[in-house]
Amino acid sequence: MECNIFAVNVAGRQEYNVSIMMKLRVEGKGTPIHSIVVLDSMPGLVFVEADAPFTVDRMILGLKHVKGRLKGKITLDEMEKLLRPRPVIEELKIGDEVEIVAGPFKGHRAKVTFVDVGKGIVRVEILDAAFPLPLEMKAVDVKKRT
């Protein structure tokens, strides 16, 4: 059985609103759409499983906040990679710039100076501090800046 997944480009953090409007259209018109997926890790995209691309095109026609459907389709393997969560600590390397997302230094930028994968701990130095301020924290409390 072939799985046809298409990506719909959506304006400014409106993925959930668009997915709800899509759901209502599917229920109302009986459009042959199998699933609608929104991922926090992929802002601006809504993934739709359907039999053919024209089905998705017909469904999104005239929907507010929809920019259009991306050309081509997404394979099931690519979708599995997006759905499988990766531990944050595996992505961090010494010298990476991160943002602290929890604790008293929330919102500050920092540079990674040490990574302990076994314990799930990273040591960072705050970049906006007047003097080097090393902090040791859990890896889940930092987010890698891109």
N, C-alpha and C. Protein backbone atom coordinates (compact mmCIF):
# COMPACT_ATOMS: atom_id res chain seq x y z
N MET A 1 0.84 -1.19 0.00
CA MET A 1 0.00 0.00 0.00
C MET A 1 0.88 1.24 0.00
N GLU A 2 0.62 2.14 -0.91
CA GLU A 2 1.41 3.36 -1.03
C GLU A 2 0.79 4.45 -0.16
N CYS A 3 1.68 5.20 0.48
CA CYS A 3 1.24 6.28 1.37
C CYS A 3 1.61 7.61 0.71
N ASN A 4 0.62 8.40 0.36
CA ASN A 4 0.84 9.70 -0.29
C ASN A 4 0.68 10.81 0.75
N ILE A 5 1.78 11.45 1.10
CA ILE A 5 1.74 12.54 2.06
C ILE A 5 2.19 13.81 1.34
N PHE A 6 1.40 14.86 1.50
CA PHE A 6 1.68 16.13 0.85
C PHE A 6 1.83 17.21 1.91
N ALA A 7 2.70 18.19 1.63
CA ALA A 7 2.94 19.30 2.56
C ALA A 7 2.21 20.54 2.06
N VAL A 8 1.49 21.19 2.98
CA VAL A 8 0.77 22.42 2.67
C VAL A 8 1.47 23.56 3.38
N ASN A 9 1.86 24.59 2.63
CA ASN A 9 2.55 25.75 3.18
C ASN A 9 1.51 26.69 3.80
N VAL A 10 1.78 27.11 5.05
CA VAL A 10 0.81 27.90 5.82
C VAL A 10 1.49 29.16 6.33
N ALA A 11 0.76 30.24 6.43
CA ALA A 11 1.30 31.52 6.90
C ALA A 11 1.44 31.55 8.41
N GLY A 12 2.47 32.22 8.85
CA GLY A 12 2.76 32.61 10.23
C GLY A 12 2.11 31.89 11.39
N ARG A 13 2.55 30.71 11.73
CA ARG A 13 2.12 29.99 12.93
C ARG A 13 0.61 29.75 12.96
N GLN A 14 0.04 29.48 11.81
CA GLN A 14 -1.40 29.23 11.71
C GLN A 14 -1.70 27.76 11.41
N GLU A 15 -0.74 26.88 11.71
CA GLU A 15 -0.88 25.47 11.37
C GLU A 15 -2.12 24.84 12.01
N TYR A 16 -2.31 25.11 13.29
CA TYR A 16 -3.44 24.49 14.00
C TYR A 16 -4.78 25.01 13.50
N ASN A 17 -4.85 26.31 13.24
CA ASN A 17 -6.10 26.87 12.71
C ASN A 17 -6.43 26.27 11.35
N VAL A 18 -5.43 26.18 10.49
CA VAL A 18 -5.64 25.62 9.15
C VAL A 18 -6.03 24.15 9.25
N SER A 19 -5.38 23.40 10.14
CA SER A 19 -5.71 21.97 10.26
C SER A 19 -7.15 21.77 10.75
N ILE A 20 -7.62 22.65 11.63
CA ILE A 20 -9.00 22.56 12.09
C ILE A 20 -9.96 22.87 10.94
N MET A 21 -9.65 23.89 10.15
CA MET A 21 -10.50 24.22 8.99
C MET A 21 -10.50 23.07 7.98
N MET A 22 -9.34 22.42 7.79
CA MET A 22 -9.26 21.27 6.89
C MET A 22 -10.14 20.13 7.40
N LYS A 23 -10.06 19.87 8.69
CA LYS A 23 -10.86 18.80 9.30
C LYS A 23 -12.35 19.05 9.08
N LEU A 24 -12.78 20.29 9.28
CA LEU A 24 -14.19 20.63 9.08
C LEU A 24 -14.61 20.42 7.62
N ARG A 25 -13.73 20.75 6.69
CA ARG A 25 -14.04 20.56 5.27
C ARG A 25 -14.14 19.07 4.93
N VAL A 26 -13.22 18.28 5.50
CA VAL A 26 -13.23 16.84 5.24
C VAL A 26 -14.53 16.24 5.76
N GLU A 27 -14.93 16.62 6.97
CA GLU A 27 -16.17 16.09 7.55
C GLU A 27 -17.40 16.57 6.78
N GLY A 28 -17.40 17.81 6.35
CA GLY A 28 -18.56 18.38 5.67
C GLY A 28 -18.74 17.88 4.26
N LYS A 29 -17.67 17.82 3.49
CA LYS A 29 -17.78 17.45 2.08
C LYS A 29 -17.48 15.98 1.82
N GLY A 30 -16.94 15.30 2.82
CA GLY A 30 -16.58 13.90 2.61
C GLY A 30 -15.38 13.73 1.71
N THR A 31 -14.46 14.67 1.74
CA THR A 31 -13.24 14.63 0.93
C THR A 31 -12.40 13.42 1.35
N PRO A 32 -11.83 12.67 0.39
CA PRO A 32 -11.04 11.48 0.75
C PRO A 32 -9.64 11.83 1.28
N ILE A 33 -9.61 12.40 2.48
CA ILE A 33 -8.35 12.70 3.16
C ILE A 33 -8.22 11.71 4.32
N HIS A 34 -7.05 11.07 4.43
CA HIS A 34 -6.87 10.04 5.45
C HIS A 34 -6.36 10.59 6.77
N SER A 35 -5.47 11.58 6.72
CA SER A 35 -4.95 12.16 7.97
C SER A 35 -4.40 13.56 7.72
N ILE A 36 -4.38 14.34 8.82
CA ILE A 36 -3.81 15.69 8.82
C ILE A 36 -2.87 15.76 10.01
N VAL A 37 -1.61 16.14 9.78
CA VAL A 37 -0.60 16.15 10.83
C VAL A 37 0.05 17.53 10.93
N VAL A 38 0.16 18.04 12.16
CA VAL A 38 0.87 19.29 12.44
C VAL A 38 2.01 18.96 13.38
N LEU A 39 3.23 19.38 13.04
CA LEU A 39 4.40 19.14 13.87
C LEU A 39 4.94 20.46 14.41
N ASP A 40 5.21 20.51 15.71
CA ASP A 40 5.80 21.71 16.30
C ASP A 40 7.19 21.99 15.75
N SER A 41 7.89 20.93 15.35
CA SER A 41 9.25 21.08 14.85
C SER A 41 9.30 21.62 13.42
N MET A 42 8.15 21.68 12.74
CA MET A 42 8.09 22.15 11.35
C MET A 42 7.07 23.28 11.23
N PRO A 43 7.42 24.48 11.71
CA PRO A 43 6.45 25.58 11.61
C PRO A 43 6.19 25.96 10.16
N GLY A 44 4.95 26.32 9.88
CA GLY A 44 4.59 26.75 8.54
C GLY A 44 4.16 25.64 7.62
N LEU A 45 4.10 24.39 8.12
CA LEU A 45 3.70 23.26 7.28
C LEU A 45 2.62 22.43 7.95
N VAL A 46 1.69 21.96 7.15
CA VAL A 46 0.69 20.99 7.58
C VAL A 46 0.82 19.81 6.62
N PHE A 47 0.92 18.61 7.16
CA PHE A 47 1.08 17.42 6.33
C PHE A 47 -0.28 16.74 6.17
N VAL A 48 -0.61 16.38 4.93
CA VAL A 48 -1.91 15.79 4.61
C VAL A 48 -1.68 14.49 3.86
N GLU A 49 -2.35 13.42 4.33
CA GLU A 49 -2.31 12.14 3.63
C GLU A 49 -3.57 12.01 2.79
N ALA A 50 -3.38 11.86 1.49
CA ALA A 50 -4.51 11.77 0.57
C ALA A 50 -4.15 10.84 -0.58
N ASP A 51 -5.16 10.47 -1.36
CA ASP A 51 -4.92 9.58 -2.49
C ASP A 51 -4.19 10.28 -3.64
N ALA A 52 -4.50 11.56 -3.85
CA ALA A 52 -3.92 12.28 -4.99
C ALA A 52 -3.69 13.75 -4.61
N PRO A 53 -2.74 14.41 -5.28
CA PRO A 53 -2.46 15.82 -4.96
C PRO A 53 -3.63 16.75 -5.27
N PHE A 54 -4.42 16.43 -6.31
CA PHE A 54 -5.53 17.32 -6.64
C PHE A 54 -6.60 17.32 -5.55
N THR A 55 -6.68 16.24 -4.78
CA THR A 55 -7.62 16.18 -3.65
C THR A 55 -7.24 17.22 -2.60
N VAL A 56 -5.94 17.30 -2.33
CA VAL A 56 -5.44 18.29 -1.36
C VAL A 56 -5.64 19.69 -1.92
N ASP A 57 -5.34 19.88 -3.20
CA ASP A 57 -5.51 21.20 -3.82
C ASP A 57 -6.96 21.67 -3.73
N ARG A 58 -7.89 20.76 -3.98
CA ARG A 58 -9.31 21.11 -3.92
C ARG A 58 -9.72 21.46 -2.48
N MET A 59 -9.16 20.74 -1.51
CA MET A 59 -9.52 20.97 -0.12
C MET A 59 -8.99 22.31 0.39
N ILE A 60 -7.79 22.72 -0.01
CA ILE A 60 -7.19 23.95 0.51
C ILE A 60 -7.59 25.20 -0.27
N LEU A 61 -8.29 25.01 -1.38
CA LEU A 61 -8.69 26.13 -2.21
C LEU A 61 -9.56 27.12 -1.41
N GLY A 62 -9.08 28.35 -1.30
CA GLY A 62 -9.83 29.40 -0.62
C GLY A 62 -9.69 29.42 0.89
N LEU A 63 -8.90 28.52 1.46
CA LEU A 63 -8.72 28.52 2.91
C LEU A 63 -7.83 29.69 3.33
N LYS A 64 -8.24 30.37 4.38
CA LYS A 64 -7.46 31.49 4.90
C LYS A 64 -6.14 30.97 5.48
N HIS A 65 -5.07 31.72 5.32
CA HIS A 65 -3.72 31.44 5.82
C HIS A 65 -2.96 30.37 5.03
N VAL A 66 -3.56 29.80 3.99
CA VAL A 66 -2.87 28.78 3.20
C VAL A 66 -2.18 29.45 2.03
N LYS A 67 -0.87 29.17 1.89
CA LYS A 67 -0.10 29.73 0.78
C LYS A 67 -0.13 28.81 -0.43
N GLY A 68 -0.24 27.51 -0.19
CA GLY A 68 -0.29 26.55 -1.29
C GLY A 68 0.30 25.22 -0.89
N ARG A 69 0.25 24.28 -1.82
CA ARG A 69 0.81 22.95 -1.58
C ARG A 69 2.21 22.89 -2.17
N LEU A 70 3.14 22.31 -1.43
CA LEU A 70 4.49 22.14 -1.94
C LEU A 70 4.49 21.04 -3.00
N LYS A 71 5.31 21.20 -4.02
CA LYS A 71 5.37 20.23 -5.10
C LYS A 71 5.97 18.92 -4.59
N GLY A 72 5.53 17.84 -5.18
CA GLY A 72 6.04 16.53 -4.81
C GLY A 72 5.32 15.97 -3.60
N LYS A 73 5.74 14.77 -3.23
CA LYS A 73 5.15 14.16 -2.04
C LYS A 73 6.25 13.69 -1.10
N ILE A 74 5.87 13.46 0.13
CA ILE A 74 6.82 13.08 1.16
C ILE A 74 6.69 11.58 1.37
N THR A 75 7.85 10.91 1.43
CA THR A 75 7.82 9.47 1.62
C THR A 75 7.55 9.15 3.09
N LEU A 76 7.15 7.92 3.33
CA LEU A 76 6.87 7.49 4.70
C LEU A 76 8.14 7.51 5.55
N ASP A 77 9.29 7.18 4.95
CA ASP A 77 10.56 7.21 5.68
C ASP A 77 10.90 8.62 6.14
N GLU A 78 10.69 9.61 5.26
CA GLU A 78 10.96 11.00 5.64
C GLU A 78 10.02 11.44 6.77
N MET A 79 8.78 11.01 6.70
CA MET A 79 7.81 11.37 7.74
C MET A 79 8.18 10.73 9.07
N GLU A 80 8.65 9.50 9.05
CA GLU A 80 9.07 8.82 10.28
C GLU A 80 10.22 9.55 10.95
N LYS A 81 11.16 10.07 10.15
CA LYS A 81 12.29 10.83 10.71
C LYS A 81 11.80 12.08 11.41
N LEU A 82 10.78 12.73 10.85
CA LEU A 82 10.23 13.93 11.46
C LEU A 82 9.48 13.62 12.75
N LEU A 83 8.82 12.48 12.79
CA LEU A 83 8.00 12.13 13.95
C LEU A 83 8.80 11.57 15.12
N ARG A 84 9.93 10.95 14.83
CA ARG A 84 10.73 10.33 15.88
C ARG A 84 11.50 11.41 16.64
N PRO A 85 11.25 11.54 17.96
CA PRO A 85 11.95 12.58 18.72
C PRO A 85 13.44 12.23 18.91
N ARG A 86 14.28 13.24 18.79
CA ARG A 86 15.71 13.05 19.01
C ARG A 86 16.07 13.69 20.34
N PRO A 87 16.89 13.00 21.13
CA PRO A 87 17.34 13.61 22.38
C PRO A 87 18.15 14.88 22.08
N VAL A 88 17.90 15.92 22.84
CA VAL A 88 18.56 17.20 22.64
C VAL A 88 20.07 17.07 22.79
N ILE A 89 20.49 16.27 23.73
CA ILE A 89 21.92 16.19 24.04
C ILE A 89 22.73 15.61 22.89
N GLU A 90 22.11 14.78 22.05
CA GLU A 90 22.83 14.21 20.91
C GLU A 90 23.15 15.26 19.85
N GLU A 91 22.40 16.34 19.83
CA GLU A 91 22.62 17.40 18.85
C GLU A 91 23.67 18.40 19.31
N LEU A 92 23.96 18.47 20.61
CA LEU A 92 24.85 19.49 21.15
C LEU A 92 26.30 19.08 21.04
N LYS A 93 27.14 20.05 20.65
CA LYS A 93 28.58 19.86 20.59
C LYS A 93 29.25 21.05 21.29
N ILE A 94 30.48 20.85 21.71
CA ILE A 94 31.23 21.94 22.35
C ILE A 94 31.40 23.07 21.34
N GLY A 95 31.09 24.29 21.79
CA GLY A 95 31.20 25.46 20.94
C GLY A 95 29.87 25.90 20.34
N ASP A 96 28.83 25.07 20.45
CA ASP A 96 27.51 25.43 19.92
C ASP A 96 26.91 26.57 20.72
N GLU A 97 26.16 27.42 20.03
CA GLU A 97 25.44 28.50 20.70
C GLU A 97 24.04 27.99 20.99
N VAL A 98 23.61 28.16 22.24
CA VAL A 98 22.31 27.68 22.68
C VAL A 98 21.53 28.81 23.35
N GLU A 99 20.23 28.57 23.51
CA GLU A 99 19.39 29.48 24.27
C GLU A 99 18.88 28.71 25.48
N ILE A 100 18.95 29.33 26.64
CA ILE A 100 18.47 28.69 27.86
C ILE A 100 16.95 28.87 27.89
N VAL A 101 16.21 27.74 28.04
CA VAL A 101 14.76 27.78 27.97
C VAL A 101 14.08 27.52 29.32
N ALA A 102 14.87 27.33 30.39
CA ALA A 102 14.28 27.10 31.71
C ALA A 102 15.23 27.61 32.79
N GLY A 103 14.68 27.89 33.94
CA GLY A 103 15.49 28.33 35.07
C GLY A 103 15.62 29.84 35.15
N PRO A 104 16.47 30.31 36.07
CA PRO A 104 16.59 31.75 36.29
C PRO A 104 17.24 32.50 35.13
N PHE A 105 17.96 31.81 34.27
CA PHE A 105 18.63 32.45 33.13
C PHE A 105 17.87 32.24 31.82
N LYS A 106 16.58 31.96 31.93
CA LYS A 106 15.74 31.71 30.76
C LYS A 106 15.80 32.89 29.79
N GLY A 107 16.01 32.56 28.50
CA GLY A 107 16.06 33.59 27.46
C GLY A 107 17.47 34.06 27.14
N HIS A 108 18.45 33.72 27.96
CA HIS A 108 19.84 34.14 27.70
C HIS A 108 20.50 33.21 26.69
N ARG A 109 21.41 33.79 25.92
CA ARG A 109 22.22 33.00 24.99
C ARG A 109 23.46 32.52 25.73
N ALA A 110 23.94 31.34 25.34
CA ALA A 110 25.11 30.76 25.99
C ALA A 110 25.88 29.92 25.00
N LYS A 111 27.13 29.59 25.37
CA LYS A 111 27.99 28.75 24.54
C LYS A 111 28.30 27.47 25.31
N VAL A 112 28.18 26.32 24.65
CA VAL A 112 28.42 25.02 25.29
C VAL A 112 29.93 24.82 25.45
N THR A 113 30.34 24.47 26.70
CA THR A 113 31.76 24.23 26.97
C THR A 113 32.04 22.78 27.36
N PHE A 114 30.99 22.03 27.74
CA PHE A 114 31.17 20.63 28.15
C PHE A 114 29.85 19.89 27.97
N VAL A 115 29.92 18.65 27.49
CA VAL A 115 28.71 17.83 27.31
C VAL A 115 28.95 16.47 27.93
N ASP A 116 28.05 16.04 28.83
CA ASP A 116 28.09 14.70 29.42
C ASP A 116 26.84 13.97 28.98
N VAL A 117 26.98 13.14 27.93
CA VAL A 117 25.83 12.46 27.35
C VAL A 117 25.23 11.47 28.34
N GLY A 118 26.05 10.77 29.10
CA GLY A 118 25.58 9.77 30.03
C GLY A 118 24.66 10.34 31.11
N LYS A 119 25.02 11.48 31.65
CA LYS A 119 24.23 12.11 32.71
C LYS A 119 23.19 13.08 32.17
N GLY A 120 23.31 13.46 30.89
CA GLY A 120 22.36 14.41 30.31
C GLY A 120 22.60 15.83 30.79
N ILE A 121 23.87 16.17 31.03
CA ILE A 121 24.23 17.48 31.58
C ILE A 121 25.13 18.22 30.59
N VAL A 122 24.93 19.53 30.50
CA VAL A 122 25.80 20.39 29.70
C VAL A 122 26.29 21.53 30.58
N ARG A 123 27.50 21.98 30.29
CA ARG A 123 28.04 23.17 30.95
C ARG A 123 28.10 24.27 29.91
N VAL A 124 27.54 25.42 30.24
CA VAL A 124 27.49 26.54 29.31
C VAL A 124 28.05 27.79 29.96
N GLU A 125 28.46 28.74 29.12
CA GLU A 125 28.89 30.06 29.57
C GLU A 125 27.94 31.09 28.97
N ILE A 126 27.37 31.92 29.82
CA ILE A 126 26.45 32.95 29.38
C ILE A 126 27.22 33.95 28.51
N LEU A 127 26.68 34.25 27.33
CA LEU A 127 27.36 35.16 26.41
C LEU A 127 27.15 36.63 26.76
N ASP A 128 25.96 36.97 27.29
CA ASP A 128 25.70 38.38 27.57
C ASP A 128 26.21 38.82 28.94
N ALA A 129 26.92 37.98 29.66
CA ALA A 129 27.42 38.35 30.99
C ALA A 129 28.69 39.18 30.86
N ALA A 130 28.93 40.04 31.86
CA ALA A 130 30.11 40.90 31.85
C ALA A 130 31.40 40.10 32.08
N PHE A 131 31.28 38.97 32.75
CA PHE A 131 32.43 38.10 33.01
C PHE A 131 31.99 36.67 32.73
N PRO A 132 32.94 35.75 32.49
CA PRO A 132 32.57 34.36 32.18
C PRO A 132 31.78 33.74 33.34
N LEU A 133 30.58 33.29 33.04
CA LEU A 133 29.70 32.72 34.06
C LEU A 133 29.35 31.29 33.65
N PRO A 134 30.13 30.30 34.14
CA PRO A 134 29.83 28.92 33.76
C PRO A 134 28.65 28.36 34.56
N LEU A 135 27.75 27.68 33.88
CA LEU A 135 26.59 27.05 34.50
C LEU A 135 26.50 25.60 34.07
N GLU A 136 26.14 24.73 34.98
CA GLU A 136 25.90 23.34 34.64
C GLU A 136 24.40 23.10 34.75
N MET A 137 23.80 22.56 33.68
CA MET A 137 22.35 22.36 33.68
C MET A 137 21.98 21.14 32.86
N LYS A 138 20.72 20.73 32.98
CA LYS A 138 20.22 19.60 32.20
C LYS A 138 20.17 20.00 30.73
N ALA A 139 20.42 19.03 29.87
CA ALA A 139 20.43 19.29 28.42
C ALA A 139 19.05 19.70 27.91
N VAL A 140 17.98 19.25 28.57
CA VAL A 140 16.64 19.61 28.11
C VAL A 140 16.31 21.07 28.41
N ASP A 141 17.13 21.75 29.23
CA ASP A 141 16.90 23.14 29.58
C ASP A 141 17.55 24.11 28.59
N VAL A 142 18.18 23.57 27.55
CA VAL A 142 18.77 24.44 26.52
C VAL A 142 18.23 24.03 25.15
N LYS A 143 18.23 25.00 24.23
CA LYS A 143 17.79 24.76 22.87
C LYS A 143 18.86 25.28 21.93
N LYS A 144 19.28 24.43 21.01
CA LYS A 144 20.32 24.83 20.06
C LYS A 144 19.81 25.92 19.14
N ARG A 145 20.59 26.97 18.99
CA ARG A 145 20.23 28.09 18.10
C ARG A 145 20.69 27.74 16.69
N THR A 146 19.86 28.11 15.73
CA THR A 146 20.24 27.82 14.34
C THR A 146 20.62 29.07 13.61
